PDB file of N, CA and C in Angstrom:
ATOM      1  N   MET A   1    -159.625  12.748  64.342  1.00  0.00           N
ATOM      2  CA  MET A   1    -159.456  11.646  63.407  1.00  0.00           C
ATOM      3  C   MET A   1    -160.646  11.642  62.445  1.00  0.00           C
ATOM      4  N   LYS A   2    -160.366  11.537  61.167  1.00  0.00           N
ATOM      5  CA  LYS A   2    -161.408  11.442  60.156  1.00  0.00           C
ATOM      6  C   LYS A   2    -161.799   9.973  60.002  1.00  0.00           C
ATOM      7  N   ILE A   3    -163.100   9.696  60.056  1.00  0.00           N
ATOM      8  CA  ILE A   3    -163.591   8.327  59.901  1.00  0.00           C
ATOM      9  C   ILE A   3    -164.321   8.230  58.569  1.00  0.00           C
ATOM     10  N   ILE A   4    -163.963   7.244  57.762  1.00  0.00           N
ATOM     11  CA  ILE A   4    -164.583   7.029  56.453  1.00  0.00           C
ATOM     12  C   ILE A   4    -165.329   5.706  56.484  1.00  0.00           C
ATOM     13  N   ASP A   5    -166.606   5.750  56.157  1.00  0.00           N
ATOM     14  CA  ASP A   5    -167.441   4.553  56.114  1.00  0.00           C
ATOM     15  C   ASP A   5    -167.150   3.801  54.815  1.00  0.00           C
ATOM     16  N   LEU A   6    -166.676   2.569  54.908  1.00  0.00           N
ATOM     17  CA  LEU A   6    -166.313   1.773  53.732  1.00  0.00           C
ATOM     18  C   LEU A   6    -167.397   0.789  53.307  1.00  0.00           C
ATOM     19  N   THR A   7    -168.571   0.869  53.921  1.00  0.00           N
ATOM     20  CA  THR A   7    -169.630  -0.073  53.570  1.00  0.00           C
ATOM     21  C   THR A   7    -170.161   0.209  52.168  1.00  0.00           C
ATOM     22  N   ILE A   8    -170.648  -0.841  51.516  1.00  0.00           N
ATOM     23  CA  ILE A   8    -171.283  -0.679  50.211  1.00  0.00           C
ATOM     24  C   ILE A   8    -172.797  -0.728  50.409  1.00  0.00           C
ATOM     25  N   PRO A   9    -173.564  -0.011  49.587  1.00  0.00           N
ATOM     26  CA  PRO A   9    -175.019  -0.027  49.733  1.00  0.00           C
ATOM     27  C   PRO A   9    -175.579  -1.437  49.517  1.00  0.00           C
ATOM     28  N   LEU A  10    -176.608  -1.775  50.264  1.00  0.00           N
ATOM     29  CA  LEU A  10    -177.270  -3.065  50.124  1.00  0.00           C
ATOM     30  C   LEU A  10    -178.465  -2.902  49.195  1.00  0.00           C
ATOM     31  N   GLY A  11    -178.522  -3.692  48.128  1.00  0.00           N
ATOM     32  CA  GLY A  11    -179.620  -3.625  47.174  1.00  0.00           C
ATOM     33  C   GLY A  11    -179.570  -4.825  46.249  1.00  0.00           C
ATOM     34  N   ILE A  12    -180.475  -4.877  45.282  1.00  0.00           N
ATOM     35  CA  ILE A  12    -180.530  -6.046  44.398  1.00  0.00           C
ATOM     36  C   ILE A  12    -179.286  -6.171  43.523  1.00  0.00           C
ATOM     37  N   ALA A  13    -178.522  -5.096  43.375  1.00  0.00           N
ATOM     38  CA  ALA A  13    -177.288  -5.158  42.582  1.00  0.00           C
ATOM     39  C   ALA A  13    -176.064  -5.504  43.434  1.00  0.00           C
ATOM     40  N   THR A  14    -176.239  -5.654  44.743  1.00  0.00           N
ATOM     41  CA  THR A  14    -175.110  -6.003  45.616  1.00  0.00           C
ATOM     42  C   THR A  14    -174.648  -7.412  45.287  1.00  0.00           C
ATOM     43  N   PRO A  15    -173.387  -7.591  44.920  1.00  0.00           N
ATOM     44  CA  PRO A  15    -172.928  -8.936  44.551  1.00  0.00           C
ATOM     45  C   PRO A  15    -172.874  -9.862  45.769  1.00  0.00           C
ATOM     46  N   PRO A  16    -173.449 -11.061  45.647  1.00  0.00           N
ATOM     47  CA  PRO A  16    -173.380 -12.020  46.751  1.00  0.00           C
ATOM     48  C   PRO A  16    -172.061 -12.790  46.715  1.00  0.00           C
ATOM     49  N   TRP A  17    -171.782 -13.541  47.766  1.00  0.00           N
ATOM     50  CA  TRP A  17    -170.669 -14.481  47.764  1.00  0.00           C
ATOM     51  C   TRP A  17    -170.901 -15.416  46.582  1.00  0.00           C
ATOM     52  N   PRO A  18    -169.871 -15.833  45.846  1.00  0.00           N
ATOM     53  CA  PRO A  18    -170.051 -16.579  44.593  1.00  0.00           C
ATOM     54  C   PRO A  18    -171.007 -17.776  44.641  1.00  0.00           C
ATOM     55  N   THR A  19    -171.054 -18.515  45.724  1.00  0.00           N
ATOM     56  CA  THR A  19    -171.920 -19.704  45.757  1.00  0.00           C
ATOM     57  C   THR A  19    -173.218 -19.466  46.524  1.00  0.00           C
ATOM     58  N   TYR A  20    -173.536 -18.200  46.840  1.00  0.00           N
ATOM     59  CA  TYR A  20    -174.726 -17.870  47.624  1.00  0.00           C
ATOM     60  C   TYR A  20    -175.771 -17.178  46.752  1.00  0.00           C
ATOM     61  N   GLU A  21    -177.010 -17.220  47.216  1.00  0.00           N
ATOM     62  CA  GLU A  21    -178.115 -16.561  46.514  1.00  0.00           C
ATOM     63  C   GLU A  21    -178.011 -15.042  46.684  1.00  0.00           C
ATOM     64  N   PRO A  22    -178.408 -14.282  45.669  1.00  0.00           N
ATOM     65  CA  PRO A  22    -178.409 -12.821  45.802  1.00  0.00           C
ATOM     66  C   PRO A  22    -179.615 -12.352  46.631  1.00  0.00           C
ATOM     67  N   LEU A  23    -179.611 -11.079  46.971  1.00  0.00           N
ATOM     68  CA  LEU A  23    -180.740 -10.470  47.664  1.00  0.00           C
ATOM     69  C   LEU A  23    -181.979 -10.574  46.784  1.00  0.00           C
ATOM     70  N   GLN A  24    -183.093 -10.951  47.378  1.00  0.00           N
ATOM     71  CA  GLN A  24    -184.366 -11.019  46.664  1.00  0.00           C
ATOM     72  C   GLN A  24    -185.376 -10.152  47.405  1.00  0.00           C
ATOM     73  N   ILE A  25    -186.161  -9.386  46.657  1.00  0.00           N
ATOM     74  CA  ILE A  25    -187.194  -8.537  47.241  1.00  0.00           C
ATOM     75  C   ILE A  25    -188.535  -8.953  46.661  1.00  0.00           C
ATOM     76  N   LYS A  26    -189.455  -9.310  47.532  1.00  0.00           N
ATOM     77  CA  LYS A  26    -190.806  -9.685  47.113  1.00  0.00           C
ATOM     78  C   LYS A  26    -191.774  -8.666  47.720  1.00  0.00           C
ATOM     79  N   TYR A  27    -192.553  -8.013  46.859  1.00  0.00           N
ATOM     80  CA  TYR A  27    -193.565  -7.074  47.334  1.00  0.00           C
ATOM     81  C   TYR A  27    -194.834  -7.857  47.632  1.00  0.00           C
ATOM     82  N   PHE A  28    -195.324  -7.772  48.862  1.00  0.00           N
ATOM     83  CA  PHE A  28    -196.580  -8.443  49.178  1.00  0.00           C
ATOM     84  C   PHE A  28    -197.713  -7.438  49.371  1.00  0.00           C
ATOM     85  N   LYS A  29    -197.371  -6.161  49.385  1.00  0.00           N
ATOM     86  CA  LYS A  29    -198.381  -5.122  49.479  1.00  0.00           C
ATOM     87  C   LYS A  29    -197.888  -3.929  48.692  1.00  0.00           C
ATOM     88  N   ARG A  30    -198.599  -3.564  47.637  1.00  0.00           N
ATOM     89  CA  ARG A  30    -198.224  -2.410  46.818  1.00  0.00           C
ATOM     90  C   ARG A  30    -199.238  -1.297  47.034  1.00  0.00           C
ATOM     91  N   LEU A  31    -198.721  -0.129  47.392  1.00  0.00           N
ATOM     92  CA  LEU A  31    -199.570   1.038  47.624  1.00  0.00           C
ATOM     93  C   LEU A  31    -200.771   0.683  48.486  1.00  0.00           C
ATOM     94  N   ALA A  32    -200.480   0.202  49.658  1.00  0.00           N
ATOM     95  CA  ALA A  32    -201.511  -0.178  50.614  1.00  0.00           C
ATOM     96  C   ALA A  32    -202.397   1.031  50.934  1.00  0.00           C
ATOM     97  N   PRO A  33    -203.616   0.791  51.404  1.00  0.00           N
ATOM     98  CA  PRO A  33    -204.531   1.903  51.709  1.00  0.00           C
ATOM     99  C   PRO A  33    -203.940   2.945  52.659  1.00  0.00           C
ATOM    100  N   ASN A  34    -203.079   2.531  53.555  1.00  0.00           N
ATOM    101  CA  ASN A  34    -202.471   3.490  54.484  1.00  0.00           C
ATOM    102  C   ASN A  34    -201.230   4.159  53.892  1.00  0.00           C
ATOM    103  N   GLY A  35    -200.946   3.896  52.625  1.00  0.00           N
ATOM    104  CA  GLY A  35    -199.829   4.539  51.945  1.00  0.00           C
ATOM    105  C   GLY A  35    -198.495   3.836  52.087  1.00  0.00           C
ATOM    106  N   ALA A  36    -198.483   2.663  52.685  1.00  0.00           N
ATOM    107  CA  ALA A  36    -197.224   1.940  52.885  1.00  0.00           C
ATOM    108  C   ALA A  36    -197.141   0.735  51.956  1.00  0.00           C
ATOM    109  N   ASN A  37    -195.941   0.447  51.496  1.00  0.00           N
ATOM    110  CA  ASN A  37    -195.680  -0.774  50.740  1.00  0.00           C
ATOM    111  C   ASN A  37    -195.116  -1.810  51.703  1.00  0.00           C
ATOM    112  N   GLY A  38    -195.302  -3.077  51.375  1.00  0.00           N
ATOM    113  CA  GLY A  38    -194.733  -4.147  52.193  1.00  0.00           C
ATOM    114  C   GLY A  38    -193.809  -4.995  51.344  1.00  0.00           C
ATOM    115  N   GLN A  39    -192.612  -5.237  51.851  1.00  0.00           N
ATOM    116  CA  GLN A  39    -191.645  -6.063  51.133  1.00  0.00           C
ATOM    117  C   GLN A  39    -191.121  -7.153  52.056  1.00  0.00           C
ATOM    118  N   LEU A  40    -190.786  -8.270  51.441  1.00  0.00           N
ATOM    119  CA  LEU A  40    -190.109  -9.357  52.135  1.00  0.00           C
ATOM    120  C   LEU A  40    -188.716  -9.445  51.535  1.00  0.00           C
ATOM    121  N   LEU A  41    -187.684  -9.246  52.356  1.00  0.00           N
ATOM    122  CA  LEU A  41    -186.300  -9.310  51.894  1.00  0.00           C
ATOM    123  C   LEU A  41    -185.705 -10.646  52.305  1.00  0.00           C
ATOM    124  N   THR A  42    -185.076 -11.325  51.350  1.00  0.00           N
ATOM    125  CA  THR A  42    -184.425 -12.601  51.622  1.00  0.00           C
ATOM    126  C   THR A  42    -182.990 -12.509  51.121  1.00  0.00           C
ATOM    127  N   HIS A  43    -182.044 -12.845  52.007  1.00  0.00           N
ATOM    128  CA  HIS A  43    -180.641 -12.854  51.595  1.00  0.00           C
ATOM    129  C   HIS A  43    -179.846 -13.748  52.530  1.00  0.00           C
ATOM    130  N   SER A  44    -178.670 -14.115  52.091  1.00  0.00           N
ATOM    131  CA  SER A  44    -177.796 -14.933  52.928  1.00  0.00           C
ATOM    132  C   SER A  44    -177.112 -14.045  53.965  1.00  0.00           C
ATOM    133  N   ASN A  45    -176.448 -14.670  54.905  1.00  0.00           N
ATOM    134  CA  ASN A  45    -175.718 -13.902  55.913  1.00  0.00           C
ATOM    135  C   ASN A  45    -174.362 -13.428  55.395  1.00  0.00           C
ATOM    136  N   HIS A  46    -174.053 -13.672  54.141  1.00  0.00           N
ATOM    137  CA  HIS A  46    -172.790 -13.224  53.549  1.00  0.00           C
ATOM    138  C   HIS A  46    -173.059 -12.308  52.363  1.00  0.00           C
ATOM    139  N   LEU A  47    -173.891 -11.305  52.595  1.00  0.00           N
ATOM    140  CA  LEU A  47    -174.213 -10.342  51.546  1.00  0.00           C
ATOM    141  C   LEU A  47    -173.814  -8.953  52.024  1.00  0.00           C
ATOM    142  N   GLY A  48    -173.121  -8.234  51.172  1.00  0.00           N
ATOM    143  CA  GLY A  48    -172.750  -6.873  51.515  1.00  0.00           C
ATOM    144  C   GLY A  48    -171.630  -6.806  52.540  1.00  0.00           C
ATOM    145  N   THR A  49    -171.398  -5.606  53.025  1.00  0.00           N
ATOM    146  CA  THR A  49    -170.341  -5.373  53.995  1.00  0.00           C
ATOM    147  C   THR A  49    -170.802  -5.879  55.353  1.00  0.00           C
ATOM    148  N   HIS A  50    -170.026  -6.764  55.936  1.00  0.00           N
ATOM    149  CA  HIS A  50    -170.387  -7.300  57.250  1.00  0.00           C
ATOM    150  C   HIS A  50    -169.140  -7.789  57.969  1.00  0.00           C
ATOM    151  N   LEU A  51    -169.312  -8.146  59.202  1.00  0.00           N
ATOM    152  CA  LEU A  51    -168.204  -8.625  60.021  1.00  0.00           C
ATOM    153  C   LEU A  51    -168.600  -9.952  60.650  1.00  0.00           C
ATOM    154  N   ASP A  52    -167.769 -10.956  60.484  1.00  0.00           N
ATOM    155  CA  ASP A  52    -167.972 -12.243  61.151  1.00  0.00           C
ATOM    156  C   ASP A  52    -167.064 -12.300  62.367  1.00  0.00           C
ATOM    157  N   GLY A  53    -167.616 -12.672  63.498  1.00  0.00           N
ATOM    158  CA  GLY A  53    -166.810 -12.850  64.699  1.00  0.00           C
ATOM    159  C   GLY A  53    -166.046 -14.165  64.638  1.00  0.00           C
ATOM    160  N   GLU A  54    -165.113 -14.335  65.558  1.00  0.00           N
ATOM    161  CA  GLU A  54    -164.356 -15.596  65.623  1.00  0.00           C
ATOM    162  C   GLU A  54    -165.294 -16.793  65.730  1.00  0.00           C
ATOM    163  N   ILE A  55    -166.410 -16.610  66.440  1.00  0.00           N
ATOM    164  CA  ILE A  55    -167.350 -17.700  66.693  1.00  0.00           C
ATOM    165  C   ILE A  55    -167.933 -18.271  65.392  1.00  0.00           C
ATOM    166  N   HIS A  56    -167.881 -17.481  64.325  1.00  0.00           N
ATOM    167  CA  HIS A  56    -168.388 -17.944  63.031  1.00  0.00           C
ATOM    168  C   HIS A  56    -167.549 -19.111  62.493  1.00  0.00           C
ATOM    169  N   PHE A  57    -166.266 -19.105  62.824  1.00  0.00           N
ATOM    170  CA  PHE A  57    -165.350 -20.135  62.338  1.00  0.00           C
ATOM    171  C   PHE A  57    -164.824 -21.049  63.438  1.00  0.00           C
ATOM    172  N   TYR A  58    -164.906 -20.582  64.685  1.00  0.00           N
ATOM    173  CA  TYR A  58    -164.300 -21.286  65.816  1.00  0.00           C
ATOM    174  C   TYR A  58    -165.274 -21.188  66.992  1.00  0.00           C
ATOM    175  N   THR A  59    -165.954 -22.295  67.309  1.00  0.00           N
ATOM    176  CA  THR A  59    -167.051 -22.291  68.275  1.00  0.00           C
ATOM    177  C   THR A  59    -166.737 -21.590  69.599  1.00  0.00           C
ATOM    178  N   PRO A  60    -165.581 -21.810  70.225  1.00  0.00           N
ATOM    179  CA  PRO A  60    -165.325 -21.086  71.477  1.00  0.00           C
ATOM    180  C   PRO A  60    -164.893 -19.629  71.282  1.00  0.00           C
ATOM    181  N   GLY A  61    -164.852 -19.160  70.040  1.00  0.00           N
ATOM    182  CA  GLY A  61    -164.371 -17.803  69.765  1.00  0.00           C
ATOM    183  C   GLY A  61    -165.333 -16.716  70.217  1.00  0.00           C
ATOM    184  N   LYS A  62    -164.888 -15.463  70.102  1.00  0.00           N
ATOM    185  CA  LYS A  62    -165.689 -14.302  70.488  1.00  0.00           C
ATOM    186  C   LYS A  62    -166.716 -13.971  69.410  1.00  0.00           C
ATOM    187  N   ASP A  63    -167.866 -13.435  69.849  1.00  0.00           N
ATOM    188  CA  ASP A  63    -168.812 -12.890  68.880  1.00  0.00           C
ATOM    189  C   ASP A  63    -168.468 -11.414  68.671  1.00  0.00           C
ATOM    190  N   ILE A  64    -169.095 -10.778  67.683  1.00  0.00           N
ATOM    191  CA  ILE A  64    -168.706  -9.398  67.366  1.00  0.00           C
ATOM    192  C   ILE A  64    -169.084  -8.417  68.473  1.00  0.00           C
ATOM    193  N   ALA A  65    -170.078  -8.756  69.294  1.00  0.00           N
ATOM    194  CA  ALA A  65    -170.446  -7.877  70.408  1.00  0.00           C
ATOM    195  C   ALA A  65    -169.331  -7.801  71.449  1.00  0.00           C
ATOM    196  N   SER A  66    -168.433  -8.773  71.446  1.00  0.00           N
ATOM    197  CA  SER A  66    -167.325  -8.802  72.406  1.00  0.00           C
ATOM    198  C   SER A  66    -166.109  -8.006  71.934  1.00  0.00           C
ATOM    199  N   LEU A  67    -166.128  -7.531  70.701  1.00  0.00           N
ATOM    200  CA  LEU A  67    -164.984  -6.791  70.166  1.00  0.00           C
ATOM    201  C   LEU A  67    -165.027  -5.328  70.594  1.00  0.00           C
ATOM    202  N   GLU A  68    -163.872  -4.773  70.907  1.00  0.00           N
ATOM    203  CA  GLU A  68    -163.761  -3.347  71.221  1.00  0.00           C
ATOM    204  C   GLU A  68    -163.777  -2.553  69.914  1.00  0.00           C
ATOM    205  N   MET A  69    -164.322  -1.340  69.948  1.00  0.00           N
ATOM    206  CA  MET A  69    -164.358  -0.494  68.753  1.00  0.00           C
ATOM    207  C   MET A  69    -162.960  -0.211  68.217  1.00  0.00           C
ATOM    208  N   ASP A  70    -161.967  -0.118  69.096  1.00  0.00           N
ATOM    209  CA  ASP A  70    -160.592   0.131  68.651  1.00  0.00           C
ATOM    210  C   ASP A  70    -160.093  -0.960  67.716  1.00  0.00           C
ATOM    211  N   PHE A  71    -160.639  -2.156  67.850  1.00  0.00           N
ATOM    212  CA  PHE A  71    -160.258  -3.271  66.980  1.00  0.00           C
ATOM    213  C   PHE A  71    -160.795  -3.069  65.565  1.00  0.00           C
ATOM    214  N   LEU A  72    -161.894  -2.316  65.440  1.00  0.00           N
ATOM    215  CA  LEU A  72    -162.573  -2.143  64.154  1.00  0.00           C
ATOM    216  C   LEU A  72    -162.195  -0.859  63.425  1.00  0.00           C
ATOM    217  N   VAL A  73    -161.513   0.047  64.088  1.00  0.00           N
ATOM    218  CA  VAL A  73    -161.170   1.341  63.509  1.00  0.00           C
ATOM    219  C   VAL A  73    -159.658   1.524  63.599  1.00  0.00           C
ATOM    220  N   GLY A  74    -159.057   1.990  62.511  1.00  0.00           N
ATOM    221  CA  GLY A  74    -157.615   2.195  62.554  1.00  0.00           C
ATOM    222  C   GLY A  74    -157.129   3.007  61.376  1.00  0.00           C
ATOM    223  N   PRO A  75    -155.845   3.276  61.336  1.00  0.00           N
ATOM    224  CA  PRO A  75    -155.276   4.061  60.242  1.00  0.00           C
ATOM    225  C   PRO A  75    -155.348   3.296  58.918  1.00  0.00           C
ATOM    226  N   ALA A  76    -155.402   4.044  57.834  1.00  0.00           N
ATOM    227  CA  ALA A  76    -155.495   3.424  56.510  1.00  0.00           C
ATOM    228  C   ALA A  76    -154.801   4.309  55.486  1.00  0.00           C
ATOM    229  N   ALA A  77    -154.633   3.777  54.300  1.00  0.00           N
ATOM    230  CA  ALA A  77    -154.054   4.524  53.187  1.00  0.00           C
ATOM    231  C   ALA A  77    -154.870   4.228  51.938  1.00  0.00           C
ATOM    232  N   VAL A  78    -154.971   5.205  51.064  1.00  0.00           N
ATOM    233  CA  VAL A  78    -155.657   5.026  49.788  1.00  0.00           C
ATOM    234  C   VAL A  78    -154.597   4.802  48.723  1.00  0.00           C
ATOM    235  N   VAL A  79    -154.753   3.732  47.941  1.00  0.00           N
ATOM    236  CA  VAL A  79    -153.802   3.397  46.884  1.00  0.00           C
ATOM    237  C   VAL A  79    -154.569   3.302  45.573  1.00  0.00           C
ATOM    238  N   ASP A  80    -154.179   4.068  44.585  1.00  0.00           N
ATOM    239  CA  ASP A  80    -154.819   4.027  43.270  1.00  0.00           C
ATOM    240  C   ASP A  80    -154.118   2.969  42.423  1.00  0.00           C
ATOM    241  N   LEU A  81    -154.821   1.880  42.117  1.00  0.00           N
ATOM    242  CA  LEU A  81    -154.248   0.782  41.334  1.00  0.00           C
ATOM    243  C   LEU A  81    -154.719   0.789  39.881  1.00  0.00           C
ATOM    244  N   SER A  82    -155.327   1.880  39.450  1.00  0.00           N
ATOM    245  CA  SER A  82    -155.832   1.917  38.071  1.00  0.00           C
ATOM    246  C   SER A  82    -154.714   2.065  37.062  1.00  0.00           C
TER     247      SER A  82
END
């Protein structure tokens, strides 16, 4: 079976949910003496490709750790709508 990753890259151009804040990156250390940069990333929990478990909407529901992989992977088709 061929598996295709449908996730979108996470970055400052990633569109947020319409009423949520976009990803913000704050550099607190630039070209540190040890050669590392330091960044603080701030974003909502609804940014980019993600999965919400039932518990997100229904308190007694399952969290995503309780889901079987078979539930997340399945057959698909590509449709060109251009």
